Protein backbone atom coordinates (compact mmCIF):
# COMPACT_ATOMS: atom_id res chain seq x y z
CA MET A 1 342.96 -69.44 220.46
CA SER A 2 343.82 -72.65 218.64
CA THR A 3 346.35 -72.34 215.81
CA THR A 4 345.47 -75.71 214.26
CA ARG A 5 343.99 -75.31 210.79
CA GLN A 6 340.38 -76.41 210.59
CA LEU A 7 339.72 -78.22 207.32
CA LEU A 8 336.17 -78.45 206.03
CA ASN A 9 334.48 -81.84 205.82
CA SER A 10 332.81 -83.38 202.78
CA VAL A 11 329.31 -82.26 203.74
CA GLN A 12 330.49 -78.64 204.06
CA VAL A 13 332.26 -78.76 200.69
CA ALA A 14 329.19 -80.33 199.08
CA ARG A 15 327.12 -77.50 200.56
CA PHE A 16 329.55 -75.03 199.00
CA VAL A 17 329.24 -76.81 195.65
CA ALA A 18 325.44 -76.59 195.85
CA HIS A 19 325.04 -73.07 197.27
CA GLY A 20 328.15 -71.44 195.82
CA PHE A 21 329.19 -69.93 199.15
CA LEU A 22 329.99 -70.75 202.75
CA ARG A 23 329.40 -68.51 205.80
CA LEU A 24 331.70 -68.42 208.80
CA ASP A 25 329.79 -66.23 211.24
CA GLY A 26 331.62 -64.12 213.83
CA ILE A 27 334.94 -65.98 213.60
CA VAL A 28 337.23 -62.91 213.58
CA PRO A 29 338.11 -61.72 217.10
CA ARG A 30 336.65 -58.42 218.33
CA GLU A 31 340.05 -56.73 218.59
CA MET A 32 340.81 -57.50 214.94
CA ASN A 33 337.42 -56.14 213.88
CA GLU A 34 338.17 -52.90 215.70
CA GLU A 35 341.62 -52.74 214.16
CA ALA A 36 340.22 -53.32 210.68
CA LEU A 37 338.39 -50.00 210.54
CA GLY A 38 341.63 -48.09 211.04
CA VAL A 39 343.48 -50.29 208.55
CA PHE A 40 340.82 -49.72 205.91
CA ALA A 41 340.74 -45.95 206.54
CA ALA A 42 344.53 -45.78 206.04
CA GLY A 43 344.31 -47.69 202.77
CA LEU A 44 345.78 -50.99 201.65
CA PRO A 45 348.79 -51.42 199.35
CA ALA A 46 348.14 -52.70 195.85
CA VAL A 47 348.92 -56.34 195.13
CA PRO A 48 349.98 -57.46 191.62
CA TYR A 49 347.79 -60.16 190.11
CA GLY A 50 348.91 -63.69 190.94
CA THR A 51 351.07 -62.83 193.96
CA SER A 52 351.67 -65.53 196.58
CA VAL A 53 350.12 -64.84 199.98
CA PRO A 54 353.48 -64.36 201.79
CA LYS A 55 354.55 -61.79 199.19
CA ALA A 56 351.15 -60.12 198.97
CA PHE A 57 350.66 -59.69 202.70
CA ALA A 58 353.65 -59.08 204.95
CA GLU A 59 354.01 -61.22 208.04
CA GLY A 60 352.10 -59.61 210.89
CA SER A 61 349.97 -57.43 208.60
CA PHE A 62 346.24 -57.33 209.15
CA ALA A 63 345.42 -59.20 205.92
CA ARG A 64 348.00 -61.91 206.67
CA ARG A 65 346.60 -62.45 210.17
CA LEU A 66 343.07 -62.55 208.77
CA VAL A 67 343.78 -65.31 206.26
CA GLU A 68 345.83 -67.24 208.83
CA LEU A 69 342.99 -67.49 211.33
CA PRO A 70 342.56 -71.29 211.72
CA ALA A 71 338.94 -71.41 210.49
CA VAL A 72 339.72 -69.17 207.50
CA ALA A 73 343.00 -70.91 206.63
CA GLY A 74 341.39 -74.35 206.88
CA ALA A 75 338.42 -73.40 204.71
CA LEU A 76 340.64 -71.78 202.08
CA GLU A 77 342.94 -74.81 201.97
CA SER A 78 339.90 -77.08 201.66
CA LEU A 79 338.61 -75.17 198.63
CA VAL A 80 341.64 -73.79 196.75
CA GLY A 81 344.46 -75.77 198.33
CA PRO A 82 347.73 -74.75 199.96
CA ASP A 83 349.71 -71.76 198.70
CA PRO A 84 347.04 -70.03 196.59
CA THR A 85 347.87 -66.77 194.87
CA VAL A 86 346.11 -63.47 195.49
CA ASP A 87 344.31 -62.30 192.38
CA HIS A 88 343.40 -58.94 193.90
CA HIS A 89 342.01 -57.38 197.05
CA PHE A 90 339.81 -54.37 197.68
CA VAL A 91 337.84 -52.63 200.42
CA HIS A 92 334.25 -51.92 199.39
CA THR A 93 332.75 -49.03 201.35
CA ARG A 94 329.07 -48.09 201.28
CA GLU A 95 328.28 -44.62 202.56
CA PRO A 96 325.17 -43.92 204.68
CA HIS A 97 322.01 -43.20 202.70
CA GLU A 98 323.89 -43.25 199.41
CA GLY A 99 320.72 -44.32 197.61
CA SER A 100 322.14 -46.79 195.09
CA ALA A 101 322.99 -50.46 194.86
CA GLN A 102 325.23 -52.57 192.66
CA PRO A 103 323.49 -54.43 189.84
CA LEU A 104 323.39 -58.19 190.19
CA HIS A 105 326.58 -59.56 188.64
CA ALA A 106 329.22 -62.27 188.55
CA ASP A 107 332.79 -61.05 188.84
CA ALA A 108 334.80 -60.73 185.61
CA LEU A 109 333.96 -62.17 182.22
CA ILE A 110 332.40 -65.56 181.51
CA ASP A 111 334.47 -68.39 182.98
CA VAL A 112 333.98 -71.79 181.39
CA ARG A 113 336.15 -73.85 183.76
CA THR A 114 334.26 -76.91 185.00
CA ASP A 115 337.01 -78.50 187.10
CA ALA A 116 338.48 -75.46 188.89
CA PHE A 117 337.31 -72.27 190.53
CA ASP A 118 338.59 -69.24 192.39
CA VAL A 119 337.36 -68.35 195.86
CA GLN A 120 336.46 -64.85 196.95
CA LEU A 121 336.76 -64.06 200.64
CA MET A 122 334.43 -61.35 201.93
CA TYR A 123 335.07 -60.07 205.44
CA TYR A 124 332.66 -57.90 207.44
CA PRO A 125 334.30 -56.19 210.42
CA GLN A 126 331.02 -54.68 211.65
CA GLU A 127 327.65 -56.14 212.46
CA VAL A 128 325.59 -55.86 209.27
CA THR A 129 321.94 -55.08 209.94
CA ALA A 130 319.09 -55.15 207.41
CA ASP A 131 319.10 -51.37 206.95
CA MET A 132 322.85 -51.39 206.22
CA GLY A 133 322.19 -53.25 202.97
CA GLY A 134 324.67 -56.10 203.02
CA THR A 135 325.71 -58.32 200.15
CA LEU A 136 322.92 -59.89 198.11
CA VAL A 137 323.69 -63.43 196.92
CA VAL A 138 321.62 -65.77 194.72
CA PRO A 139 322.22 -69.30 196.07
CA GLY A 140 322.98 -71.92 193.45
CA SER A 141 323.72 -69.43 190.67
CA HIS A 142 327.48 -69.96 190.42
CA LEU A 143 327.50 -72.73 187.81
CA ARG A 144 325.16 -70.91 185.42
CA ARG A 145 327.68 -69.16 183.22
CA THR A 146 327.05 -65.47 182.68
CA ASN A 147 329.17 -62.57 181.53
CA GLU A 148 329.81 -60.01 184.25
CA SER A 149 326.68 -57.84 184.71
CA ASP A 150 324.43 -59.55 182.15
CA THR A 151 322.18 -60.40 185.12
CA GLY A 152 321.96 -56.72 186.13
CA ARG A 153 318.44 -56.39 184.69
CA TYR A 154 317.11 -58.80 187.32
CA GLN A 155 315.88 -56.91 190.37
CA ASN A 156 314.82 -59.75 192.65
CA LEU A 157 314.97 -63.53 192.42
CA LEU A 158 313.11 -65.98 194.62
CA GLY A 159 315.34 -67.31 197.37
CA GLN A 160 317.98 -64.59 197.14
CA THR A 161 319.67 -63.75 200.43
CA ARG A 162 320.71 -60.33 201.66
CA LEU A 163 323.44 -60.70 204.23
CA THR A 164 322.86 -59.75 207.83
CA CYS A 165 325.55 -61.01 210.16
CA PRO A 166 327.50 -60.42 213.37
CA ALA A 167 330.79 -58.54 213.32
CA GLY A 168 333.75 -60.65 212.25
CA THR A 169 331.88 -62.74 209.70
CA VAL A 170 333.68 -64.18 206.68
CA MET A 171 332.00 -65.50 203.55
CA LEU A 172 333.79 -67.64 200.99
CA LEU A 173 332.22 -67.50 197.53
CA HIS A 174 332.68 -69.38 194.27
CA HIS A 175 333.88 -66.80 191.75
CA GLY A 176 330.79 -67.32 189.57
CA ILE A 177 328.14 -66.52 192.19
CA TRP A 178 325.60 -63.86 191.26
CA HIS A 179 325.81 -61.11 193.87
CA GLY A 180 325.68 -57.37 194.45
CA GLY A 181 326.18 -54.84 197.22
CA ARG A 182 322.88 -53.43 198.43
CA ARG A 183 322.35 -49.77 199.19
CA ASN A 184 323.09 -48.58 202.71
CA ASP A 185 319.98 -47.01 204.29
CA SER A 186 321.53 -46.71 207.75
CA ASP A 187 323.47 -43.91 209.43
CA THR A 188 326.63 -46.05 209.56
CA VAL A 189 329.42 -46.46 207.00
CA ARG A 190 329.60 -50.13 205.98
CA HIS A 191 332.84 -51.86 204.98
CA MET A 192 333.51 -55.17 203.28
CA TYR A 193 337.02 -56.41 202.49
CA LYS A 194 337.35 -58.77 199.53
CA ILE A 195 340.28 -60.99 198.55
CA ARG A 196 340.16 -63.26 195.48
CA PHE A 197 342.30 -66.40 195.60
CA ASN A 198 343.50 -68.48 192.64
CA PRO A 199 344.44 -72.15 193.18
CA THR A 200 347.95 -73.33 192.35
CA VAL A 201 347.28 -77.06 192.74
CA PRO A 202 344.57 -79.37 191.37
CA GLN A 203 341.47 -78.95 193.53
CA VAL A 204 341.12 -82.63 194.33
CA ARG A 205 340.33 -84.00 197.83
CA LEU A 206 341.80 -81.00 199.63
CA TRP A 207 339.45 -81.25 202.63
CA ASP A 208 338.84 -83.81 205.38
CA THR A 209 337.33 -86.63 203.31
CA THR A 210 336.52 -89.04 206.13
CA ASP A 211 332.78 -88.42 205.59
CA GLN A 212 332.92 -88.53 201.79
CA GLU A 213 330.54 -91.53 201.61
CA SER A 214 327.95 -89.89 203.88
CA PRO A 215 324.45 -89.87 202.31
CA VAL A 216 324.22 -86.23 203.35
CA VAL A 217 326.71 -85.39 200.58
CA ALA A 218 324.29 -86.50 197.85
CA SER A 219 321.46 -84.78 199.69
CA GLU A 220 323.35 -81.49 199.68
CA LEU A 221 324.22 -81.83 196.00
CA SER A 222 320.55 -82.51 195.16
CA ARG A 223 319.30 -79.29 196.74
CA THR A 224 317.15 -76.99 194.61
CA PHE A 225 316.47 -73.27 195.01
CA PRO A 226 313.22 -71.34 194.52
CA TRP A 227 314.41 -69.40 191.47
CA TYR A 228 315.26 -72.54 189.47
CA GLU A 229 313.09 -73.25 186.45
CA PRO A 230 311.40 -76.69 186.45
CA ALA A 231 313.45 -77.90 183.48
CA THR A 232 316.58 -75.80 183.15
CA GLY A 233 317.08 -75.80 186.90
CA ARG A 234 317.75 -79.53 186.77
CA LEU A 235 320.89 -78.82 184.76
CA GLU A 236 322.35 -77.11 187.83
CA ILE A 237 322.34 -80.46 189.65
CA HIS A 238 324.08 -82.07 186.68
CA ASN A 239 326.69 -79.30 186.77
CA ARG A 240 327.28 -80.01 190.46
CA ILE A 241 327.73 -83.72 189.78
CA GLN A 242 330.42 -82.91 187.23
CA LEU A 243 332.17 -80.54 189.64
CA TRP A 244 331.97 -83.07 192.49
CA ARG A 245 333.49 -85.74 190.25
CA ALA A 246 336.39 -83.39 189.53
CA LEU A 247 336.85 -82.41 193.18
CA THR A 248 336.81 -86.00 194.45
CA GLY A 249 338.59 -87.64 191.52
CA ASP A 250 335.65 -90.06 191.35
CA PRO A 251 334.37 -90.27 187.75
CA ALA A 252 331.57 -92.65 188.79
CA PHE A 253 329.90 -90.42 191.38
CA ASP A 254 326.28 -89.67 190.55
CA VAL A 255 322.99 -88.45 191.97
CA ASP A 256 319.99 -90.53 190.88
CA HIS A 257 321.89 -91.85 187.82
CA TRP A 258 321.61 -88.46 186.06
CA ALA A 259 325.15 -88.11 184.70
CA THR A 260 325.63 -91.84 184.16
CA ARG A 261 322.53 -92.08 182.02
CA ILE A 262 323.40 -89.28 179.61
CA ALA A 263 327.06 -90.31 179.30
CA ASN A 264 326.24 -93.93 178.44
CA ARG A 265 327.97 -94.88 175.17
CA PRO A 266 328.39 -98.68 175.02
CA ALA A 267 331.25 -99.76 172.77
CA GLU A 268 330.33 -101.88 169.79
CA ARG A 269 331.02 -105.57 170.19
CA SER A 270 333.85 -106.74 168.02
CA GLN A 271 332.64 -108.83 165.10
CA ALA A 272 333.75 -112.48 165.07
C-alpha cells in the first residue's frame, strides 16, 4: 500500500465547501476493520481537549494508524492542515432494534467562524446497510448557523442522505453539518468512531491547487439542494463564496458577481 499522502484537489475541496462533507468509501483495509471491533469493545483511552495527534494516539495504535492512512492523512491535511489537534474522540454504538434515533443536530453550540472550521472524521468498520440506520446528513446545511439540537424538531428534509456504505468507509464532515444517528433496525450492533480535529494553521491553500481555476470549482460552489428555500437558500451560496475566498486567499473570487455586487462601496472622489 502506498504511503504517499494523497492531497485533495480544488474540485474536491469545493465539493466539501458546498456539501459540508466528503466520503471516502471502503478505504480502510479489511484487517483493520476486523481489528477495530476488538479495539472498540476494549474501550479507548480519553484524550484531553486540544491534544496533538502524536500525543493523543500512540505510535502503532489503531487510531494513529487510521489517521495515517494516505487517503485519510491527505484529506485531513487538505482541510485542516498539518499537525491538527484532537478535540475529542468517541465510539458511537447503536444496539440492534433499540427503537430510537438521535435528533437532527449540529455538534456543540453555535459557531460563528466564517474563515475556519473543524473537521469531524467518522469511520465505519462494518458495512452499513439501510436497516442498520446509518448517519443521516443534510447536505449543504453546515453554513446555516444553528445552536446544537435546535433543528431536532425537523423529522425529514428533502435531499437528506442516510448513509449506507461498504466496510472501511470514512466520512469527513464540517463541524456545522446537520446530522443524526438513525435507529438500528437490524440484528447487528453498529459502530461508528468519531474524531474531531481542530486546525493549528490558517486554512489557506492546503490542498493541491493545480486545478484551482477549473470551471468545475464554481459549478460545485453553485450547487443547490432540495431543502433550500427559494430566497434564503441563495444565501448559502454567498456563504460558500466567502468561505472559498478565505480558503484560497483570493478576495476577488465570485460566483455570478453575487458577493462583488453587494460589497460594492465606491470611494468618494476627492474634491478639487
